[in-house]
Amino acid sequence: MHNQILHYTNENNIEIWLKREDEIHPYVSGNKFRKLKYNIAFAKEKQHTSILTFGGAYSNHIAAVAAAGQLEGFNTTGIIRGEELGNDINKTLAQNPTLAFARHCGMRLHFVSRESYRDKNEVYFRESVISKFDNPYIIPEGGTNDLAVKGCEEILSTEDERFDYVCCAVGTGGTIAGIINTASDHQNVLGFPALKGEWIKGEIQQWSSNTDWKLIADYHFGGYAKINRKLVSFINDFKKEQGISLDPIYTGKMMYGIFDLISQGYFPQNSRILAIHTGGLQGIAGMNKLLNKKGLPLIEV
């Protein structure tokens, strides 16, 4: 994927480049492609015919697995948080572009209560899933496992060694772990969590023994999928000025944080910053439905 320099001027001669991982594939884009690459290969090697995974109603991961399964010839099942969504499936699909897309790709949707969903990693839950859904290959929520981290280790290339900072949005921690594992010694890896809480540090440490990285936890805007008028305005202005769409869950918050840190003088003079565009643009349609209900401005696409 190519690196695109942003049209940006700063008295400290700071350069910002965006690695366009979002352009890898129209439906399995960015870090989702990276995470699924070796998982799909392993499922084929073990002769699985179906893949099962977990996610919320607007999950990029659910959409990506559905699309990848269709492309690679797997049956797919999504265990979706929120049993109420299954009460009137036609209404749910009409109101939820992500789940409608997943169903269009052939994914079987199975809705469970939030209480049951919390037990998704328990042995009894996994055993019940395996018996019910034809011994599927199971991929965790968000897609992060050893094979996913291996895929994300391929995000950075040798040409990226010229950058001083590598910035990445953080969800389940797999993408930044892969970046941390392959970053050069002179590079500073900065993660911008989309969720509140210190727990994510432990998750990242599971996948990387390198300790030379930092989380910038000031730009989650209240938590996962939380958004306000200021962030919408930033995303829309960025699209007008740079010609690049950002998603409101991950990359929008990361880029807002980078620009805010620059304004505070966080980065030294002549710094070269590489930000990773991890995709996730499919989520804009669903977010706009929520923004419309709240009477907030919409994200321009």
Foldseek 3Di string as FASTA:
>chain_A
DDKAWAPDDDPLQETEIEQPQQPPDVFCGFLSCLLCVVVLVVCVVVPFQAEEEEDELLDSNLRNVLQVCLVSRHAYEYEYEDVVCVPDVVVNLVQGVSVVNSVVSRYHYHYDYNVVVVCCVPPVNVVVCCVVPPNHHYAYYVSDDQSSLVSLLPSDDPVVLVAQEEEFEDEQQSNLLSVLVNHDPNHEYEYEYLADDPVSVVSSCVRHVDPRYYYDDPQNCHGALHDDQVLLVQQQVCCVRGVDGADSRTRSSRVVVVVVCVVVVVDGRNGYYYYYRRHSNSSQVSSQSVCVVVVHDGRDD
